[in-house]
């Protein structure tokens, strides 16, 4: 968010909270409060913080020290990666291992997988549309295939097949972090420079797999919306929120 703010780019904080809430199965307000904690640390150091995220006055000593250590140790990460790291730390703090409650932990894991795969009916449609194969890799193991929203989930209307693409779990994460994009017109896969030396480099420039039915083709407008938010990708237009 700070990166977008500094670049004068528009963003909606609620969309970011919603994405994190869906990813980690927590309420959106928890992430807003955590971002305010980060603002407090930045403010104390005389650094710019995200407008609208007023620094939290009282931060628990334990979480404050963890956040400071995290911020200091990850100077090279992108804002999105830092936000994700903070969310992961919060999840770990709140769900510490309890050997007396294994069944509850297993239930949480199962619930997390279900949430991550996407709304059941939406995922079922995408599995059928792409013949149960990842739209990028062709992976045909349904257990690791997820229903990725191109435009973030905003209720039932965004569960249209044209607003989704079937992706392997790891690629879904990279897509949500705007490290993978799909060119709207050519339907070619594009990777952020950060992935150029990774195993994912093999997918650069590959065409997105075509769904079984033309009616299930990913929306050009939705792909453009996503591409516009990949700051590393030169996009011909800038769609609005």
C-alpha atoms as a PDB file:
ATOM      1  CA  UNK A   1       0.000   0.000   0.000  1.00  0.00           C
ATOM      2  CA  UNK A   2       2.850   2.363   0.804  1.00  0.00           C
ATOM      3  CA  UNK A   3       4.380   1.631  -2.607  1.00  0.00           C
ATOM      4  CA  UNK A   4       1.127   2.474  -4.373  1.00  0.00           C
ATOM      5  CA  UNK A   5       0.638   5.571  -2.214  1.00  0.00           C
ATOM      6  CA  UNK A   6       4.130   6.814  -3.040  1.00  0.00           C
ATOM      7  CA  UNK A   7       3.525   6.205  -6.748  1.00  0.00           C
ATOM      8  CA  UNK A   8       0.193   8.021  -6.636  1.00  0.00           C
ATOM      9  CA  UNK A   9      -1.686   4.855  -7.613  1.00  0.00           C
ATOM     10  CA  UNK A  10      -5.227   4.229  -6.470  1.00  0.00           C
ATOM     11  CA  UNK A  11      -5.975   1.321  -4.152  1.00  0.00           C
ATOM     12  CA  UNK A  12      -8.791   0.291  -1.864  1.00  0.00           C
ATOM     13  CA  UNK A  13      -7.684  -0.794   1.593  1.00  0.00           C
ATOM     14  CA  UNK A  14     -10.880  -2.802   2.139  1.00  0.00           C
ATOM     15  CA  UNK A  15     -10.022  -4.990  -0.853  1.00  0.00           C
ATOM     16  CA  UNK A  16      -6.617  -5.773   0.619  1.00  0.00           C
ATOM     17  CA  UNK A  17      -8.120  -6.658   4.003  1.00  0.00           C
ATOM     18  CA  UNK A  18     -10.709  -8.849   2.304  1.00  0.00           C
ATOM     19  CA  UNK A  19      -8.043 -10.731   0.366  1.00  0.00           C
ATOM     20  CA  UNK A  20      -6.016 -11.357   3.525  1.00  0.00           C
ATOM     21  CA  UNK A  21      -9.149 -12.374   5.437  1.00  0.00           C
ATOM     22  CA  UNK A  22     -10.033 -14.928   2.767  1.00  0.00           C
ATOM     23  CA  UNK A  23      -6.481 -16.230   2.706  1.00  0.00           C
ATOM     24  CA  UNK A  24      -6.133 -16.683   6.475  1.00  0.00           C
ATOM     25  CA  UNK A  25      -9.744 -17.176   7.569  1.00  0.00           C
ATOM     26  CA  UNK A  26      -9.873 -14.197   9.928  1.00  0.00           C
ATOM     27  CA  UNK A  27     -12.015 -11.111  10.076  1.00  0.00           C
ATOM     28  CA  UNK A  28     -11.054  -8.104   7.954  1.00  0.00           C
ATOM     29  CA  UNK A  29     -10.908  -5.785  10.973  1.00  0.00           C
ATOM     30  CA  UNK A  30      -8.022  -7.778  12.441  1.00  0.00           C
ATOM     31  CA  UNK A  31      -5.815  -6.905   9.466  1.00  0.00           C
ATOM     32  CA  UNK A  32      -6.770  -3.238   9.605  1.00  0.00           C
ATOM     33  CA  UNK A  33      -5.750  -3.137  13.266  1.00  0.00           C
ATOM     34  CA  UNK A  34      -2.465  -4.872  12.486  1.00  0.00           C
ATOM     35  CA  UNK A  35      -1.742  -2.324   9.740  1.00  0.00           C
ATOM     36  CA  UNK A  36      -2.405   0.429  12.300  1.00  0.00           C
ATOM     37  CA  UNK A  37       0.166  -1.219  14.558  1.00  0.00           C
ATOM     38  CA  UNK A  38       2.647  -1.020  11.699  1.00  0.00           C
ATOM     39  CA  UNK A  39       1.714   2.651  11.187  1.00  0.00           C
ATOM     40  CA  UNK A  40       2.549   3.301  14.847  1.00  0.00           C
ATOM     41  CA  UNK A  41       6.002   1.808  14.422  1.00  0.00           C
ATOM     42  CA  UNK A  42       6.607   3.790  11.230  1.00  0.00           C
ATOM     43  CA  UNK A  43       5.319   6.986  12.870  1.00  0.00           C
ATOM     44  CA  UNK A  44       7.643   6.543  15.853  1.00  0.00           C
ATOM     45  CA  UNK A  45      10.546   6.360  13.424  1.00  0.00           C
ATOM     46  CA  UNK A  46       9.459   9.448  11.523  1.00  0.00           C
ATOM     47  CA  UNK A  47       8.534   7.401   8.458  1.00  0.00           C
ATOM     48  CA  UNK A  48       5.544   7.822   6.200  1.00  0.00           C
ATOM     49  CA  UNK A  49       2.588   5.524   6.887  1.00  0.00           C
ATOM     50  CA  UNK A  50      -0.485   4.690   4.832  1.00  0.00           C
ATOM     51  CA  UNK A  51      -3.037   7.494   4.876  1.00  0.00           C
ATOM     52  CA  UNK A  52      -6.213   6.484   6.640  1.00  0.00           C
ATOM     53  CA  UNK A  53      -4.411   3.936   8.805  1.00  0.00           C
ATOM     54  CA  UNK A  54      -3.969   6.050  11.930  1.00  0.00           C
ATOM     55  CA  UNK A  55      -1.237   4.694  14.219  1.00  0.00           C
ATOM     56  CA  UNK A  56      -2.575   2.465  16.976  1.00  0.00           C
ATOM     57  CA  UNK A  57      -1.958   4.022  20.389  1.00  0.00           C
ATOM     58  CA  UNK A  58      -1.543   0.861  22.401  1.00  0.00           C
ATOM     59  CA  UNK A  59       0.402  -2.083  20.976  1.00  0.00           C
ATOM     60  CA  UNK A  60       1.057  -5.198  22.983  1.00  0.00           C
ATOM     61  CA  UNK A  61       4.717  -5.490  23.953  1.00  0.00           C
ATOM     62  CA  UNK A  62       5.051  -8.976  22.460  1.00  0.00           C
ATOM     63  CA  UNK A  63       3.531  -8.195  19.065  1.00  0.00           C
ATOM     64  CA  UNK A  64       5.347  -4.832  18.917  1.00  0.00           C
ATOM     65  CA  UNK A  65       8.756  -6.447  19.312  1.00  0.00           C
ATOM     66  CA  UNK A  66       7.883  -9.086  16.723  1.00  0.00           C
ATOM     67  CA  UNK A  67       6.704  -6.482  14.207  1.00  0.00           C
ATOM     68  CA  UNK A  68       9.806  -4.326  14.733  1.00  0.00           C
ATOM     69  CA  UNK A  69      12.094  -7.313  14.240  1.00  0.00           C
ATOM     70  CA  UNK A  70      10.160  -8.338  11.131  1.00  0.00           C
ATOM     71  CA  UNK A  71      10.186  -4.869   9.583  1.00  0.00           C
ATOM     72  CA  UNK A  72      13.903  -4.462  10.271  1.00  0.00           C
ATOM     73  CA  UNK A  73      14.812  -7.861   8.883  1.00  0.00           C
ATOM     74  CA  UNK A  74      12.827  -7.646   5.655  1.00  0.00           C
ATOM     75  CA  UNK A  75      13.853  -4.333   4.065  1.00  0.00           C
ATOM     76  CA  UNK A  76      14.029  -5.766   0.564  1.00  0.00           C
ATOM     77  CA  UNK A  77      10.555  -7.268   0.431  1.00  0.00           C
ATOM     78  CA  UNK A  78       7.750  -5.676  -1.537  1.00  0.00           C
ATOM     79  CA  UNK A  79       4.872  -4.142   0.463  1.00  0.00           C
ATOM     80  CA  UNK A  80       2.642  -7.078  -0.508  1.00  0.00           C
ATOM     81  CA  UNK A  81       5.186  -9.586   0.780  1.00  0.00           C
ATOM     82  CA  UNK A  82       5.632  -7.619   4.013  1.00  0.00           C
ATOM     83  CA  UNK A  83       1.859  -7.539   4.567  1.00  0.00           C
ATOM     84  CA  UNK A  84       1.698 -11.271   3.990  1.00  0.00           C
ATOM     85  CA  UNK A  85       4.574 -11.896   6.414  1.00  0.00           C
ATOM     86  CA  UNK A  86       2.819  -9.863   9.094  1.00  0.00           C
ATOM     87  CA  UNK A  87      -0.400 -11.804   8.548  1.00  0.00           C
ATOM     88  CA  UNK A  88       1.464 -15.094   8.848  1.00  0.00           C
ATOM     89  CA  UNK A  89       3.067 -14.009  12.111  1.00  0.00           C
ATOM     90  CA  UNK A  90      -0.306 -12.987  13.498  1.00  0.00           C
ATOM     91  CA  UNK A  91      -1.774 -16.341  12.514  1.00  0.00           C
ATOM     92  CA  UNK A  92       1.060 -18.153  14.260  1.00  0.00           C
ATOM     93  CA  UNK A  93       0.629 -16.111  17.425  1.00  0.00           C
ATOM     94  CA  UNK A  94      -3.084 -16.822  17.573  1.00  0.00           C
ATOM     95  CA  UNK A  95      -2.955 -20.483  16.624  1.00  0.00           C
ATOM     96  CA  UNK A  96      -0.038 -21.799  18.639  1.00  0.00           C
ATOM     97  CA  UNK A  97       0.364 -25.565  18.664  1.00  0.00           C
ATOM     98  CA  UNK A  98      -1.771 -27.251  21.327  1.00  0.00           C
ATOM     99  CA  UNK A  99      -1.177 -31.017  21.592  1.00  0.00           C
ATOM    100  CA  UNK A 100      -4.399 -31.305  23.602  1.00  0.00           C
ATOM    101  CA  UNK A 101      -6.474 -29.936  20.771  1.00  0.00           C
ATOM    102  CA  UNK A 102      -5.311 -31.831  17.689  1.00  0.00           C
ATOM    103  CA  UNK A 103      -8.834 -32.438  16.391  1.00  0.00           C
ATOM    104  CA  UNK A 104      -9.622 -28.728  16.434  1.00  0.00           C
ATOM    105  CA  UNK A 105      -6.352 -28.007  14.626  1.00  0.00           C
ATOM    106  CA  UNK A 106      -7.209 -30.556  11.935  1.00  0.00           C
ATOM    107  CA  UNK A 107     -10.635 -28.983  11.502  1.00  0.00           C
ATOM    108  CA  UNK A 108      -9.020 -25.563  11.087  1.00  0.00           C
ATOM    109  CA  UNK A 109      -6.662 -26.924   8.467  1.00  0.00           C
ATOM    110  CA  UNK A 110      -9.537 -28.523   6.554  1.00  0.00           C
ATOM    111  CA  UNK A 111     -11.575 -25.316   6.746  1.00  0.00           C
ATOM    112  CA  UNK A 112      -8.578 -23.300   5.545  1.00  0.00           C
ATOM    113  CA  UNK A 113      -8.116 -25.585   2.524  1.00  0.00           C
ATOM    114  CA  UNK A 114     -11.798 -25.305   1.621  1.00  0.00           C
ATOM    115  CA  UNK A 115     -11.676 -21.509   1.851  1.00  0.00           C
ATOM    116  CA  UNK A 116      -8.508 -21.353  -0.197  1.00  0.00           C
ATOM    117  CA  UNK A 117      -9.894 -23.554  -2.960  1.00  0.00           C
ATOM    118  CA  UNK A 118     -12.746 -21.122  -3.424  1.00  0.00           C
ATOM    119  CA  UNK A 119     -16.498 -21.170  -3.081  1.00  0.00           C
ATOM    120  CA  UNK A 120     -17.619 -24.724  -3.870  1.00  0.00           C
ATOM    121  CA  UNK A 121     -19.968 -23.999  -6.764  1.00  0.00           C
ATOM    122  CA  UNK A 122     -17.535 -21.513  -8.312  1.00  0.00           C
ATOM    123  CA  UNK A 123     -14.669 -24.006  -8.107  1.00  0.00           C
ATOM    124  CA  UNK A 124     -16.842 -26.772  -9.555  1.00  0.00           C
ATOM    125  CA  UNK A 125     -17.640 -24.607 -12.581  1.00  0.00           C
ATOM    126  CA  UNK A 126     -13.976 -23.780 -13.147  1.00  0.00           C
ATOM    127  CA  UNK A 127     -12.933 -27.417 -12.785  1.00  0.00           C
ATOM    128  CA  UNK A 128     -15.422 -28.286 -15.529  1.00  0.00           C
ATOM    129  CA  UNK A 129     -14.430 -25.295 -17.675  1.00  0.00           C
ATOM    130  CA  UNK A 130     -10.740 -26.226 -17.647  1.00  0.00           C
ATOM    131  CA  UNK A 131     -11.261 -30.002 -17.721  1.00  0.00           C
ATOM    132  CA  UNK A 132      -9.724 -30.243 -14.245  1.00  0.00           C
ATOM    133  CA  UNK A 133      -6.370 -28.895 -15.410  1.00  0.00           C
ATOM    134  CA  UNK A 134      -4.457 -25.855 -14.218  1.00  0.00           C
ATOM    135  CA  UNK A 135      -4.835 -23.074 -16.788  1.00  0.00           C
ATOM    136  CA  UNK A 136      -1.091 -22.405 -16.686  1.00  0.00           C
ATOM    137  CA  UNK A 137       0.707 -25.684 -15.991  1.00  0.00           C
ATOM    138  CA  UNK A 138      -1.839 -28.253 -17.116  1.00  0.00           C
ATOM    139  CA  UNK A 139      -1.562 -29.968 -13.714  1.00  0.00           C
ATOM    140  CA  UNK A 140      -4.446 -32.441 -13.458  1.00  0.00           C
ATOM    141  CA  UNK A 141      -4.339 -33.152  -9.706  1.00  0.00           C
ATOM    142  CA  UNK A 142      -7.679 -31.713  -8.501  1.00  0.00           C
ATOM    143  CA  UNK A 143      -6.604 -31.676  -4.846  1.00  0.00           C
ATOM    144  CA  UNK A 144      -4.212 -28.791  -5.556  1.00  0.00           C
ATOM    145  CA  UNK A 145      -6.359 -26.870  -8.046  1.00  0.00           C
ATOM    146  CA  UNK A 146      -8.028 -23.715  -6.798  1.00  0.00           C
ATOM    147  CA  UNK A 147     -10.628 -21.279  -8.088  1.00  0.00           C
ATOM    148  CA  UNK A 148      -8.757 -17.985  -8.436  1.00  0.00           C
ATOM    149  CA  UNK A 149     -10.762 -14.793  -8.697  1.00  0.00           C
ATOM    150  CA  UNK A 150      -9.281 -12.369 -11.214  1.00  0.00           C
ATOM    151  CA  UNK A 151     -11.105  -9.414  -9.674  1.00  0.00           C
ATOM    152  CA  UNK A 152     -11.262  -9.893  -5.870  1.00  0.00           C
ATOM    153  CA  UNK A 153     -14.358 -11.512  -4.401  1.00  0.00           C
ATOM    154  CA  UNK A 154     -17.128  -8.974  -3.771  1.00  0.00           C
ATOM    155  CA  UNK A 155     -20.083 -11.250  -3.269  1.00  0.00           C
ATOM    156  CA  UNK A 156     -21.926 -13.781  -5.367  1.00  0.00           C
ATOM    157  CA  UNK A 157     -21.808 -11.680  -8.542  1.00  0.00           C
ATOM    158  CA  UNK A 158     -18.017 -12.021  -8.701  1.00  0.00           C
ATOM    159  CA  UNK A 159     -18.292 -15.823  -8.765  1.00  0.00           C
ATOM    160  CA  UNK A 160     -18.887 -15.705 -12.523  1.00  0.00           C
ATOM    161  CA  UNK A 161     -16.711 -18.161 -14.456  1.00  0.00           C
ATOM    162  CA  UNK A 162     -15.461 -15.258 -16.612  1.00  0.00           C
ATOM    163  CA  UNK A 163     -14.014 -13.707 -13.449  1.00  0.00           C
ATOM    164  CA  UNK A 164     -12.029 -16.794 -12.578  1.00  0.00           C
ATOM    165  CA  UNK A 165      -9.229 -19.050 -13.688  1.00  0.00           C
ATOM    166  CA  UNK A 166      -8.312 -22.510 -12.415  1.00  0.00           C
ATOM    167  CA  UNK A 167      -4.805 -22.453 -10.952  1.00  0.00           C
ATOM    168  CA  UNK A 168      -2.502 -24.733  -9.032  1.00  0.00           C
ATOM    169  CA  UNK A 169      -2.312 -23.592  -5.397  1.00  0.00           C
ATOM    170  CA  UNK A 170       1.160 -22.023  -5.589  1.00  0.00           C
ATOM    171  CA  UNK A 171       0.338 -20.142  -8.789  1.00  0.00           C
ATOM    172  CA  UNK A 172      -2.898 -18.910  -7.220  1.00  0.00           C
ATOM    173  CA  UNK A 173      -0.863 -17.350  -4.417  1.00  0.00           C
ATOM    174  CA  UNK A 174       1.530 -15.672  -6.864  1.00  0.00           C
ATOM    175  CA  UNK A 175      -1.416 -14.436  -8.939  1.00  0.00           C
ATOM    176  CA  UNK A 176      -3.068 -12.933  -5.847  1.00  0.00           C
ATOM    177  CA  UNK A 177       0.212 -11.237  -4.927  1.00  0.00           C
ATOM    178  CA  UNK A 178       0.374  -9.692  -8.432  1.00  0.00           C
ATOM    179  CA  UNK A 179       3.596 -11.538  -9.227  1.00  0.00           C
ATOM    180  CA  UNK A 180       1.931 -13.332 -12.134  1.00  0.00           C
ATOM    181  CA  UNK A 181      -0.216 -11.573 -14.708  1.00  0.00           C
ATOM    182  CA  UNK A 182      -2.083 -12.572 -17.861  1.00  0.00           C
ATOM    183  CA  UNK A 183      -1.945 -10.144 -20.762  1.00  0.00           C
ATOM    184  CA  UNK A 184      -5.587  -9.295 -21.541  1.00  0.00           C
ATOM    185  CA  UNK A 185      -5.285  -9.298 -25.333  1.00  0.00           C
ATOM    186  CA  UNK A 186      -2.724 -12.021 -26.005  1.00  0.00           C
ATOM    187  CA  UNK A 187      -3.568 -14.229 -22.995  1.00  0.00           C
ATOM    188  CA  UNK A 188       0.159 -14.768 -22.469  1.00  0.00           C
ATOM    189  CA  UNK A 189       1.566 -15.450 -19.000  1.00  0.00           C
ATOM    190  CA  UNK A 190       3.820 -12.736 -17.618  1.00  0.00           C
ATOM    191  CA  UNK A 191       6.036 -13.023 -14.556  1.00  0.00           C
ATOM    192  CA  UNK A 192       7.369 -10.331 -12.243  1.00  0.00           C
ATOM    193  CA  UNK A 193      11.143  -9.783 -12.373  1.00  0.00           C
ATOM    194  CA  UNK A 194      11.356 -11.290  -8.877  1.00  0.00           C
ATOM    195  CA  UNK A 195      10.470 -14.675 -10.408  1.00  0.00           C
ATOM    196  CA  UNK A 196      12.818 -14.459 -13.383  1.00  0.00           C
ATOM    197  CA  UNK A 197      15.410 -16.804 -11.868  1.00  0.00           C
ATOM    198  CA  UNK A 198      12.967 -19.158 -10.214  1.00  0.00           C
ATOM    199  CA  UNK A 199      11.467 -22.426 -11.430  1.00  0.00           C
ATOM    200  CA  UNK A 200       8.441 -20.390 -12.489  1.00  0.00           C
ATOM    201  CA  UNK A 201      10.458 -18.705 -15.255  1.00  0.00           C
ATOM    202  CA  UNK A 202       9.461 -21.566 -17.567  1.00  0.00           C
ATOM    203  CA  UNK A 203       5.942 -20.164 -17.762  1.00  0.00           C
ATOM    204  CA  UNK A 204       6.962 -16.697 -18.991  1.00  0.00           C
ATOM    205  CA  UNK A 205       5.344 -16.007 -22.357  1.00  0.00           C
ATOM    206  CA  UNK A 206       3.311 -19.219 -22.398  1.00  0.00           C
ATOM    207  CA  UNK A 207      -0.332 -18.948 -23.497  1.00  0.00           C
ATOM    208  CA  UNK A 208      -3.071 -19.419 -20.939  1.00  0.00           C
ATOM    209  CA  UNK A 209      -4.859 -22.711 -21.545  1.00  0.00           C
ATOM    210  CA  UNK A 210      -8.196 -22.280 -23.297  1.00  0.00           C
ATOM    211  CA  UNK A 211     -11.295 -23.477 -21.435  1.00  0.00           C
ATOM    212  CA  UNK A 212     -13.526 -26.151 -22.931  1.00  0.00           C
ATOM    213  CA  UNK A 213     -16.291 -23.641 -23.703  1.00  0.00           C
ATOM    214  CA  UNK A 214     -15.733 -20.157 -25.180  1.00  0.00           C
ATOM    215  CA  UNK A 215     -18.334 -18.922 -22.701  1.00  0.00           C
ATOM    216  CA  UNK A 216     -15.907 -19.716 -19.867  1.00  0.00           C
ATOM    217  CA  UNK A 217     -13.109 -17.532 -21.262  1.00  0.00           C
ATOM    218  CA  UNK A 218     -11.636 -15.166 -18.700  1.00  0.00           C
ATOM    219  CA  UNK A 219     -12.994 -11.638 -19.071  1.00  0.00           C
ATOM    220  CA  UNK A 220     -10.640  -9.252 -20.872  1.00  0.00           C
ATOM    221  CA  UNK A 221     -11.797  -6.440 -18.596  1.00  0.00           C
ATOM    222  CA  UNK A 222     -11.093  -8.475 -15.464  1.00  0.00           C
ATOM    223  CA  UNK A 223      -7.641  -9.468 -16.741  1.00  0.00           C
ATOM    224  CA  UNK A 224      -6.926  -5.817 -17.516  1.00  0.00           C
ATOM    225  CA  UNK A 225      -7.976  -4.839 -13.987  1.00  0.00           C
ATOM    226  CA  UNK A 226      -5.525  -7.364 -12.556  1.00  0.00           C
ATOM    227  CA  UNK A 227      -2.725  -6.432 -14.975  1.00  0.00           C
ATOM    228  CA  UNK A 228      -3.097  -2.756 -14.062  1.00  0.00           C
ATOM    229  CA  UNK A 229      -2.243  -3.657 -10.487  1.00  0.00           C
ATOM    230  CA  UNK A 230       1.002  -5.383 -11.427  1.00  0.00           C
ATOM    231  CA  UNK A 231       3.303  -2.371 -11.047  1.00  0.00           C
ATOM    232  CA  UNK A 232       6.116  -4.183 -12.876  1.00  0.00           C
ATOM    233  CA  UNK A 233       3.967  -4.778 -15.977  1.00  0.00           C
ATOM    234  CA  UNK A 234       3.588  -2.048 -18.556  1.00  0.00           C
ATOM    235  CA  UNK A 235      -0.120  -1.975 -19.238  1.00  0.00           C
ATOM    236  CA  UNK A 236      -1.798  -0.076 -22.087  1.00  0.00           C
ATOM    237  CA  UNK A 237      -4.583   1.255 -19.901  1.00  0.00           C
ATOM    238  CA  UNK A 238      -5.450   1.931 -16.306  1.00  0.00           C
ATOM    239  CA  UNK A 239      -8.837   0.640 -15.293  1.00  0.00           C
ATOM    240  CA  UNK A 240     -10.640   2.181 -12.364  1.00  0.00           C
ATOM    241  CA  UNK A 241     -11.595   0.631  -9.057  1.00  0.00           C
END
